[in-house]
Amino acid sequence: MTEGMVFDLARNAMMIALEVSLPFLLFSLVTGLVISIFQAVTQINEMTLTFVPKILAVFVAGAIFGPWMLNNLITYIANLFISLPTFAR
């Protein structure tokens, strides 16, 4: 296994991790922004108000993008197992 192969493995793993986490992060970010704007407009300074909508947004993101994320992870792991013999050289 060469250094280039190790770097490719690490880069691919980080890209898959970023792709899989991106829907959760974006839904949470947008929800937090909307709730913050709502709190600023109405002057409601309740700290717990942001948690429930963010949790619901993350569940919605998981329901919408779950099959796509699972497919990406399965494809990555299958390709990793297929390429294992080339790493032994």
Protein backbone atom coordinates (compact mmCIF):
# COMPACT_ATOMS: atom_id res chain seq x y z
CA MET A 1 0.00 0.00 0.00
CA THR A 2 1.53 3.26 -1.11
CA GLU A 3 1.15 6.71 0.39
CA GLY A 4 -1.05 7.74 -2.52
CA MET A 5 -3.47 4.92 -1.80
CA VAL A 6 -3.66 5.92 1.86
CA PHE A 7 -4.33 9.54 0.93
CA ASP A 8 -7.01 8.46 -1.56
CA LEU A 9 -8.68 6.30 1.08
CA ALA A 10 -8.64 9.14 3.59
CA ARG A 11 -9.91 11.67 1.05
CA ASN A 12 -12.74 9.39 -0.08
CA ALA A 13 -13.72 8.63 3.51
CA MET A 14 -13.84 12.34 4.37
CA MET A 15 -15.86 13.13 1.25
CA ILE A 16 -18.41 10.41 2.05
CA ALA A 17 -18.63 11.65 5.65
CA LEU A 18 -19.21 15.19 4.41
CA GLU A 19 -21.83 14.10 1.87
CA VAL A 20 -23.71 12.03 4.45
CA SER A 21 -23.68 14.71 7.16
CA LEU A 22 -24.46 17.65 4.87
CA PRO A 23 -28.29 17.22 4.76
CA PHE A 24 -28.47 17.08 8.57
CA LEU A 25 -26.25 20.11 8.95
CA LEU A 26 -28.09 22.17 6.33
CA PHE A 27 -31.55 21.39 7.71
CA SER A 28 -30.37 22.21 11.23
CA LEU A 29 -28.68 25.42 10.07
CA VAL A 30 -31.72 26.68 8.16
CA THR A 31 -34.05 25.80 11.03
CA GLY A 32 -31.82 27.55 13.54
CA LEU A 33 -31.65 30.63 11.34
CA VAL A 34 -35.43 30.77 10.94
CA ILE A 35 -35.98 30.32 14.67
CA SER A 36 -33.38 33.00 15.46
CA ILE A 37 -35.06 35.46 13.12
CA PHE A 38 -38.43 34.61 14.69
CA GLN A 39 -37.00 35.18 18.17
CA ALA A 40 -35.46 38.50 17.13
CA VAL A 41 -38.69 39.73 15.59
CA THR A 42 -40.93 38.69 18.48
CA GLN A 43 -38.31 39.35 21.20
CA ILE A 44 -38.88 35.91 22.70
CA ASN A 45 -35.61 34.91 24.33
CA GLU A 46 -36.36 31.31 25.23
CA MET A 47 -33.28 29.13 24.84
CA THR A 48 -35.21 25.86 24.66
CA LEU A 49 -37.30 27.07 21.72
CA THR A 50 -34.58 26.16 19.22
CA PHE A 51 -34.05 22.54 20.28
CA VAL A 52 -37.36 20.93 19.34
CA PRO A 53 -37.58 22.41 15.81
CA LYS A 54 -33.95 21.47 15.14
CA ILE A 55 -34.55 17.91 16.29
CA LEU A 56 -37.64 17.69 14.08
CA ALA A 57 -35.69 19.14 11.14
CA VAL A 58 -32.95 16.55 11.59
CA PHE A 59 -35.55 13.75 11.66
CA VAL A 60 -37.14 15.15 8.48
CA ALA A 61 -33.72 15.31 6.81
CA GLY A 62 -33.10 11.70 7.82
CA ALA A 63 -36.46 10.63 6.44
CA ILE A 64 -35.96 12.46 3.15
CA PHE A 65 -32.27 11.77 2.53
CA GLY A 66 -31.90 8.51 4.46
CA PRO A 67 -32.10 6.15 1.46
CA TRP A 68 -29.65 8.29 -0.53
CA MET A 69 -27.19 8.42 2.37
CA LEU A 70 -27.46 4.68 2.95
CA ASN A 71 -26.91 4.02 -0.74
CA ASN A 72 -23.77 6.21 -0.72
CA LEU A 73 -22.40 4.43 2.34
CA ILE A 74 -23.13 0.96 0.96
CA THR A 75 -21.51 1.85 -2.38
CA TYR A 76 -18.42 3.21 -0.63
CA ILE A 77 -18.06 0.17 1.62
CA ALA A 78 -18.64 -2.23 -1.27
CA ASN A 79 -15.97 -0.47 -3.33
CA LEU A 80 -13.65 -0.55 -0.34
CA PHE A 81 -14.11 -4.31 0.10
CA ILE A 82 -13.68 -4.91 -3.63
CA SER A 83 -10.42 -2.97 -3.65
CA LEU A 84 -8.97 -4.67 -0.55
CA PRO A 85 -6.76 -7.07 -2.53
CA THR A 86 -5.04 -4.12 -4.24
CA PHE A 87 -4.14 -2.66 -0.85
CA ALA A 88 -2.15 -5.77 0.13
CA ARG A 89 0.51 -5.16 -2.50
